[in-house]
PDB file of N, CA and C in Angstrom:
ATOM      1  N   MET A   1      73.963  79.662  94.757  1.00  0.00           N
ATOM      2  CA  MET A   1      74.143  80.878  95.563  1.00  0.00           C
ATOM      3  C   MET A   1      74.576  81.985  94.844  1.00  0.00           C
ATOM      4  N   SER A   2      74.081  83.240  94.911  1.00  0.00           N
ATOM      5  CA  SER A   2      74.532  84.317  94.192  1.00  0.00           C
ATOM      6  C   SER A   2      75.917  84.803  94.709  1.00  0.00           C
ATOM      7  N   GLN A   3      76.636  85.631  93.880  1.00  0.00           N
ATOM      8  CA  GLN A   3      77.976  86.022  94.280  1.00  0.00           C
ATOM      9  C   GLN A   3      77.877  86.828  95.555  1.00  0.00           C
ATOM     10  N   THR A   4      76.834  87.707  95.644  1.00  0.00           N
ATOM     11  CA  THR A   4      76.736  88.485  96.901  1.00  0.00           C
ATOM     12  C   THR A   4      76.525  87.661  98.079  1.00  0.00           C
ATOM     13  N   LYS A   5      75.631  86.613  97.969  1.00  0.00           N
ATOM     14  CA  LYS A   5      75.454  85.777  99.179  1.00  0.00           C
ATOM     15  C   LYS A   5      76.660  84.953  99.479  1.00  0.00           C
ATOM     16  N   THR A   6      77.436  84.523  98.460  1.00  0.00           N
ATOM     17  CA  THR A   6      78.656  83.795  98.686  1.00  0.00           C
ATOM     18  C   THR A   6      79.654  84.723  99.387  1.00  0.00           C
ATOM     19  N   LEU A   7      79.798  85.971  98.925  1.00  0.00           N
ATOM     20  CA  LEU A   7      80.690  86.933  99.604  1.00  0.00           C
ATOM     21  C   LEU A   7      80.344  87.033 101.053  1.00  0.00           C
ATOM     22  N   ALA A   8      79.005  87.316 101.277  1.00  0.00           N
ATOM     23  CA  ALA A   8      78.548  87.522 102.693  1.00  0.00           C
ATOM     24  C   ALA A   8      78.918  86.365 103.532  1.00  0.00           C
ATOM     25  N   ALA A   9      78.658  85.064 103.115  1.00  0.00           N
ATOM     26  CA  ALA A   9      78.857  83.883 103.805  1.00  0.00           C
ATOM     27  C   ALA A   9      80.428  83.762 104.074  1.00  0.00           C
ATOM     28  N   ASP A  10      81.205  84.101 103.177  1.00  0.00           N
ATOM     29  CA  ASP A  10      82.700  84.004 103.282  1.00  0.00           C
ATOM     30  C   ASP A  10      83.116  84.951 104.433  1.00  0.00           C
ATOM     31  N   ILE A  11      82.702  86.156 104.346  1.00  0.00           N
ATOM     32  CA  ILE A  11      83.015  87.234 105.260  1.00  0.00           C
ATOM     33  C   ILE A  11      82.602  86.757 106.719  1.00  0.00           C
ATOM     34  N   ILE A  12      81.323  86.317 106.864  1.00  0.00           N
ATOM     35  CA  ILE A  12      80.919  85.829 108.170  1.00  0.00           C
ATOM     36  C   ILE A  12      81.715  84.686 108.698  1.00  0.00           C
ATOM     37  N   ARG A  13      82.067  83.816 107.806  1.00  0.00           N
ATOM     38  CA  ARG A  13      82.862  82.600 108.177  1.00  0.00           C
ATOM     39  C   ARG A  13      84.215  83.013 108.762  1.00  0.00           C
ATOM     40  N   HIS A  14      84.800  84.038 108.014  1.00  0.00           N
ATOM     41  CA  HIS A  14      86.242  84.464 108.398  1.00  0.00           C
ATOM     42  C   HIS A  14      86.244  85.536 109.534  1.00  0.00           C
ATOM     43  N   VAL A  15      85.148  85.947 109.969  1.00  0.00           N
ATOM     44  CA  VAL A  15      85.080  86.683 111.265  1.00  0.00           C
ATOM     45  C   VAL A  15      84.691  85.834 112.434  1.00  0.00           C
ATOM     46  N   GLY A  16      84.682  84.543 112.217  1.00  0.00           N
ATOM     47  CA  GLY A  16      84.480  83.651 113.349  1.00  0.00           C
ATOM     48  C   GLY A  16      83.018  83.102 113.357  1.00  0.00           C
ATOM     49  N   GLY A  17      82.172  83.423 112.284  1.00  0.00           N
ATOM     50  CA  GLY A  17      80.727  82.917 112.365  1.00  0.00           C
ATOM     51  C   GLY A  17      79.813  83.885 112.979  1.00  0.00           C
ATOM     52  N   LYS A  18      78.563  83.724 112.605  1.00  0.00           N
ATOM     53  CA  LYS A  18      77.523  84.691 112.951  1.00  0.00           C
ATOM     54  C   LYS A  18      77.419  84.819 114.495  1.00  0.00           C
ATOM     55  N   ASP A  19      77.710  83.709 115.195  1.00  0.00           N
ATOM     56  CA  ASP A  19      77.623  83.815 116.641  1.00  0.00           C
ATOM     57  C   ASP A  19      78.700  84.617 117.254  1.00  0.00           C
ATOM     58  N   ASN A  20      79.726  84.879 116.620  1.00  0.00           N
ATOM     59  CA  ASN A  20      80.792  85.715 117.026  1.00  0.00           C
ATOM     60  C   ASN A  20      80.666  87.142 116.787  1.00  0.00           C
ATOM     61  N   VAL A  21      79.619  87.506 116.124  1.00  0.00           N
ATOM     62  CA  VAL A  21      79.490  88.927 115.782  1.00  0.00           C
ATOM     63  C   VAL A  21      78.521  89.670 116.839  1.00  0.00           C
ATOM     64  N   LYS A  22      79.089  90.607 117.486  1.00  0.00           N
ATOM     65  CA  LYS A  22      78.290  91.462 118.456  1.00  0.00           C
ATOM     66  C   LYS A  22      77.448  92.450 117.617  1.00  0.00           C
ATOM     67  N   SER A  23      78.106  93.152 116.745  1.00  0.00           N
ATOM     68  CA  SER A  23      77.425  94.040 115.840  1.00  0.00           C
ATOM     69  C   SER A  23      78.282  94.252 114.566  1.00  0.00           C
ATOM     70  N   VAL A  24      77.608  94.824 113.607  1.00  0.00           N
ATOM     71  CA  VAL A  24      78.305  95.142 112.327  1.00  0.00           C
ATOM     72  C   VAL A  24      77.555  96.447 111.760  1.00  0.00           C
ATOM     73  N   PHE A  25      78.531  97.355 111.320  1.00  0.00           N
ATOM     74  CA  PHE A  25      78.142  98.640 110.727  1.00  0.00           C
ATOM     75  C   PHE A  25      78.621  98.718 109.300  1.00  0.00           C
ATOM     76  N   HIS A  26      78.049  99.480 108.462  1.00  0.00           N
ATOM     77  CA  HIS A  26      78.675  99.640 107.224  1.00  0.00           C
ATOM     78  C   HIS A  26      78.554 101.124 106.684  1.00  0.00           C
ATOM     79  N   CYS A  27      79.440 101.378 105.817  1.00  0.00           N
ATOM     80  CA  CYS A  27      79.349 102.687 105.092  1.00  0.00           C
ATOM     81  C   CYS A  27      79.489 102.342 103.601  1.00  0.00           C
ATOM     82  N   ALA A  28      79.834 103.320 102.761  1.00  0.00           N
ATOM     83  CA  ALA A  28      79.814 103.022 101.315  1.00  0.00           C
ATOM     84  C   ALA A  28      81.023 101.990 101.015  1.00  0.00           C
ATOM     85  N   THR A  29      82.122 101.918 101.792  1.00  0.00           N
ATOM     86  CA  THR A  29      83.276 101.126 101.382  1.00  0.00           C
ATOM     87  C   THR A  29      83.724 100.171 102.552  1.00  0.00           C
ATOM     88  N   ARG A  30      83.099 100.236 103.667  1.00  0.00           N
ATOM     89  CA  ARG A  30      83.565  99.444 104.771  1.00  0.00           C
ATOM     90  C   ARG A  30      82.486  98.702 105.538  1.00  0.00           C
ATOM     91  N   LEU A  31      82.890  97.572 106.055  1.00  0.00           N
ATOM     92  CA  LEU A  31      82.032  96.852 107.056  1.00  0.00           C
ATOM     93  C   LEU A  31      82.843  96.792 108.278  1.00  0.00           C
ATOM     94  N   ARG A  32      82.191  97.322 109.439  1.00  0.00           N
ATOM     95  CA  ARG A  32      82.898  97.231 110.695  1.00  0.00           C
ATOM     96  C   ARG A  32      82.254  96.340 111.573  1.00  0.00           C
ATOM     97  N   PHE A  33      83.081  95.353 112.099  1.00  0.00           N
ATOM     98  CA  PHE A  33      82.550  94.334 112.969  1.00  0.00           C
ATOM     99  C   PHE A  33      83.082  94.639 114.377  1.00  0.00           C
ATOM    100  N   LYS A  34      82.206  94.335 115.341  1.00  0.00           N
ATOM    101  CA  LYS A  34      82.617  94.144 116.762  1.00  0.00           C
ATOM    102  C   LYS A  34      82.333  92.748 117.038  1.00  0.00           C
ATOM    103  N   LEU A  35      83.472  92.088 117.466  1.00  0.00           N
ATOM    104  CA  LEU A  35      83.374  90.649 117.601  1.00  0.00           C
ATOM    105  C   LEU A  35      83.355  90.185 119.108  1.00  0.00           C
ATOM    106  N   LYS A  36      82.871  89.132 119.427  1.00  0.00           N
ATOM    107  CA  LYS A  36      82.832  88.626 120.870  1.00  0.00           C
ATOM    108  C   LYS A  36      84.226  88.078 121.055  1.00  0.00           C
ATOM    109  N   ASP A  37      84.921  87.286 120.190  1.00  0.00           N
ATOM    110  CA  ASP A  37      86.288  86.727 120.423  1.00  0.00           C
ATOM    111  C   ASP A  37      87.036  87.083 119.183  1.00  0.00           C
ATOM    112  N   GLU A  38      87.881  88.095 119.179  1.00  0.00           N
ATOM    113  CA  GLU A  38      88.756  88.465 118.114  1.00  0.00           C
ATOM    114  C   GLU A  38      89.704  87.256 117.657  1.00  0.00           C
ATOM    115  N   GLN A  39      89.979  86.387 118.445  1.00  0.00           N
ATOM    116  CA  GLN A  39      90.878  85.298 118.021  1.00  0.00           C
ATOM    117  C   GLN A  39      90.214  84.272 117.090  1.00  0.00           C
ATOM    118  N   LYS A  40      88.922  84.342 117.048  1.00  0.00           N
ATOM    119  CA  LYS A  40      88.216  83.493 116.077  1.00  0.00           C
ATOM    120  C   LYS A  40      88.332  84.000 114.684  1.00  0.00           C
ATOM    121  N   ALA A  41      88.621  85.245 114.504  1.00  0.00           N
ATOM    122  CA  ALA A  41      88.655  85.821 113.136  1.00  0.00           C
ATOM    123  C   ALA A  41      89.944  85.414 112.370  1.00  0.00           C
ATOM    124  N   ASN A  42      89.749  85.408 111.044  1.00  0.00           N
ATOM    125  CA  ASN A  42      90.935  85.087 110.148  1.00  0.00           C
ATOM    126  C   ASN A  42      91.157  86.246 109.230  1.00  0.00           C
ATOM    127  N   PRO A  43      91.819  87.360 109.672  1.00  0.00           N
ATOM    128  CA  PRO A  43      91.966  88.500 108.765  1.00  0.00           C
ATOM    129  C   PRO A  43      92.737  88.144 107.570  1.00  0.00           C
ATOM    130  N   GLU A  44      93.674  87.149 107.539  1.00  0.00           N
ATOM    131  CA  GLU A  44      94.458  86.935 106.392  1.00  0.00           C
ATOM    132  C   GLU A  44      93.585  86.299 105.336  1.00  0.00           C
ATOM    133  N   ALA A  45      92.631  85.439 105.640  1.00  0.00           N
ATOM    134  CA  ALA A  45      91.705  84.810 104.690  1.00  0.00           C
ATOM    135  C   ALA A  45      90.818  85.970 104.164  1.00  0.00           C
ATOM    136  N   LEU A  46      90.473  86.948 104.947  1.00  0.00           N
ATOM    137  CA  LEU A  46      89.563  88.131 104.301  1.00  0.00           C
ATOM    138  C   LEU A  46      90.480  88.860 103.371  1.00  0.00           C
ATOM    139  N   LYS A  47      91.693  89.157 103.744  1.00  0.00           N
ATOM    140  CA  LYS A  47      92.540  89.932 102.823  1.00  0.00           C
ATOM    141  C   LYS A  47      92.777  89.310 101.505  1.00  0.00           C
ATOM    142  N   ASN A  48      92.766  87.999 101.425  1.00  0.00           N
ATOM    143  CA  ASN A  48      92.925  87.184 100.183  1.00  0.00           C
ATOM    144  C   ASN A  48      91.616  87.159  99.276  1.00  0.00           C
ATOM    145  N   HIS A  49      90.530  87.667  99.787  1.00  0.00           N
ATOM    146  CA  HIS A  49      89.354  87.691  99.040  1.00  0.00           C
ATOM    147  C   HIS A  49      89.481  88.750  97.906  1.00  0.00           C
ATOM    148  N   ASP A  50      88.996  88.514  96.733  1.00  0.00           N
ATOM    149  CA  ASP A  50      89.195  89.419  95.571  1.00  0.00           C
ATOM    150  C   ASP A  50      88.567  90.770  95.691  1.00  0.00           C
ATOM    151  N   VAL A  51      87.529  90.885  96.569  1.00  0.00           N
ATOM    152  CA  VAL A  51      86.924  92.319  96.715  1.00  0.00           C
ATOM    153  C   VAL A  51      87.334  93.019  97.941  1.00  0.00           C
ATOM    154  N   VAL A  52      88.261  92.424  98.743  1.00  0.00           N
ATOM    155  CA  VAL A  52      88.742  93.055  99.887  1.00  0.00           C
ATOM    156  C   VAL A  52      90.083  93.741  99.635  1.00  0.00           C
ATOM    157  N   ILE A  53      90.190  95.028  99.914  1.00  0.00           N
ATOM    158  CA  ILE A  53      91.579  95.714  99.792  1.00  0.00           C
ATOM    159  C   ILE A  53      92.359  95.488 100.991  1.00  0.00           C
ATOM    160  N   THR A  54      91.797  95.605 102.197  1.00  0.00           N
ATOM    161  CA  THR A  54      92.636  95.439 103.333  1.00  0.00           C
ATOM    162  C   THR A  54      91.653  95.084 104.509  1.00  0.00           C
ATOM    163  N   VAL A  55      92.236  94.668 105.699  1.00  0.00           N
ATOM    164  CA  VAL A  55      91.565  94.455 106.914  1.00  0.00           C
ATOM    165  C   VAL A  55      92.318  95.245 107.957  1.00  0.00           C
ATOM    166  N   VAL A  56      91.572  96.084 108.712  1.00  0.00           N
ATOM    167  CA  VAL A  56      92.178  96.914 109.682  1.00  0.00           C
ATOM    168  C   VAL A  56      91.739  96.500 111.056  1.00  0.00           C
ATOM    169  N   GLN A  57      92.643  96.220 111.946  1.00  0.00           N
ATOM    170  CA  GLN A  57      92.254  95.822 113.324  1.00  0.00           C
ATOM    171  C   GLN A  57      92.777  96.804 114.265  1.00  0.00           C
ATOM    172  N   SER A  58      91.808  97.393 115.030  1.00  0.00           N
ATOM    173  CA  SER A  58      92.216  98.492 116.053  1.00  0.00           C
ATOM    174  C   SER A  58      91.160  98.636 117.125  1.00  0.00           C
ATOM    175  N   GLY A  59      91.518  99.068 118.314  1.00  0.00           N
ATOM    176  CA  GLY A  59      90.607  99.504 119.269  1.00  0.00           C
ATOM    177  C   GLY A  59      89.561  98.532 119.690  1.00  0.00           C
ATOM    178  N   GLY A  60      89.818  97.205 119.720  1.00  0.00           N
ATOM    179  CA  GLY A  60      88.814  96.213 120.083  1.00  0.00           C
ATOM    180  C   GLY A  60      87.862  95.905 118.866  1.00  0.00           C
ATOM    181  N   ARG A  61      88.074  96.500 117.714  1.00  0.00           N
ATOM    182  CA  ARG A  61      87.181  96.199 116.664  1.00  0.00           C
ATOM    183  C   ARG A  61      87.989  95.438 115.658  1.00  0.00           C
ATOM    184  N   ILE A  62      87.500  94.304 115.193  1.00  0.00           N
ATOM    185  CA  ILE A  62      88.128  93.562 114.105  1.00  0.00           C
ATOM    186  C   ILE A  62      87.088  93.024 113.234  1.00  0.00           C
ATOM    187  N   PRO A  63      87.241  92.924 112.099  1.00  0.00           N
ATOM    188  CA  PRO A  63      88.122  93.772 111.284  1.00  0.00           C
ATOM    189  C   PRO A  63      87.309  94.866 110.726  1.00  0.00           C
ATOM    190  N   ASP A  64      87.890  95.948 110.309  1.00  0.00           N
ATOM    191  CA  ASP A  64      87.260  96.830 109.310  1.00  0.00           C
ATOM    192  C   ASP A  64      87.656  96.222 107.972  1.00  0.00           C
ATOM    193  N   VAL A  65      86.556  95.740 107.236  1.00  0.00           N
ATOM    194  CA  VAL A  65      86.823  95.155 106.053  1.00  0.00           C
ATOM    195  C   VAL A  65      86.621  96.181 104.937  1.00  0.00           C
ATOM    196  N   ILE A  66      87.583  96.614 104.270  1.00  0.00           N
ATOM    197  CA  ILE A  66      87.480  97.681 103.206  1.00  0.00           C
ATOM    198  C   ILE A  66      87.396  97.035 101.920  1.00  0.00           C
ATOM    199  N   GLU A  67      86.282  97.170 101.280  1.00  0.00           N
ATOM    200  CA  GLU A  67      86.046  96.475  99.978  1.00  0.00           C
ATOM    201  C   GLU A  67      86.138  97.341  98.773  1.00  0.00           C
ATOM    202  N   ARG A  68      86.528  96.654  97.700  1.00  0.00           N
ATOM    203  CA  ARG A  68      86.529  97.378  96.409  1.00  0.00           C
ATOM    204  C   ARG A  68      85.024  97.432  95.943  1.00  0.00           C
ATOM    205  N   ARG A  69      84.695  98.417  95.211  1.00  0.00           N
ATOM    206  CA  ARG A  69      83.357  98.438  94.734  1.00  0.00           C
ATOM    207  C   ARG A  69      83.090  97.265  93.706  1.00  0.00           C
ATOM    208  N   TYR A  70      84.189  96.894  93.011  1.00  0.00           N
ATOM    209  CA  TYR A  70      84.171  95.783  92.139  1.00  0.00           C
ATOM    210  C   TYR A  70      85.327  94.927  92.465  1.00  0.00           C
ATOM    211  N   GLY A  71      85.233  93.663  92.180  1.00  0.00           N
ATOM    212  CA  GLY A  71      86.318  92.688  92.435  1.00  0.00           C
ATOM    213  C   GLY A  71      87.342  92.919  91.344  1.00  0.00           C
ATOM    214  N   LYS A  72      88.434  92.119  91.582  1.00  0.00           N
ATOM    215  CA  LYS A  72      89.583  92.191  90.610  1.00  0.00           C
ATOM    216  C   LYS A  72      89.102  91.822  89.142  1.00  0.00           C
ATOM    217  N   ASN A  73      88.046  91.053  88.999  1.00  0.00           N
ATOM    218  CA  ASN A  73      87.605  90.693  87.712  1.00  0.00           C
ATOM    219  C   ASN A  73      86.670  91.709  87.093  1.00  0.00           C
ATOM    220  N   GLY A  74      86.455  92.879  87.819  1.00  0.00           N
ATOM    221  CA  GLY A  74      85.606  93.919  87.343  1.00  0.00           C
ATOM    222  C   GLY A  74      84.108  93.948  87.670  1.00  0.00           C
ATOM    223  N   ARG A  75      83.773  92.834  88.342  1.00  0.00           N
ATOM    224  CA  ARG A  75      82.385  92.638  88.835  1.00  0.00           C
ATOM    225  C   ARG A  75      82.322  92.156  90.332  1.00  0.00           C
ATOM    226  N   LEU A  76      81.254  92.489  90.944  1.00  0.00           N
ATOM    227  CA  LEU A  76      81.017  92.004  92.206  1.00  0.00           C
ATOM    228  C   LEU A  76      80.071  90.807  92.291  1.00  0.00           C
TER     229      LEU A  76
END
């Protein structure tokens, strides 16, 4: 599995699985998820990923995953 696919699978797993995602939007640096059940998400696991700067939870949306363009090792 490529690094990009592995990253995508990790993010989906840590937001509670694909069945927990109502919608997802993106811009250059963020993924914004609306989830069916916010309790299923694991923001701490997302924050520990090497390409994630932080996870912001607010206004019924969890998480805003703010990613580095490149991971800590210099590559995505």
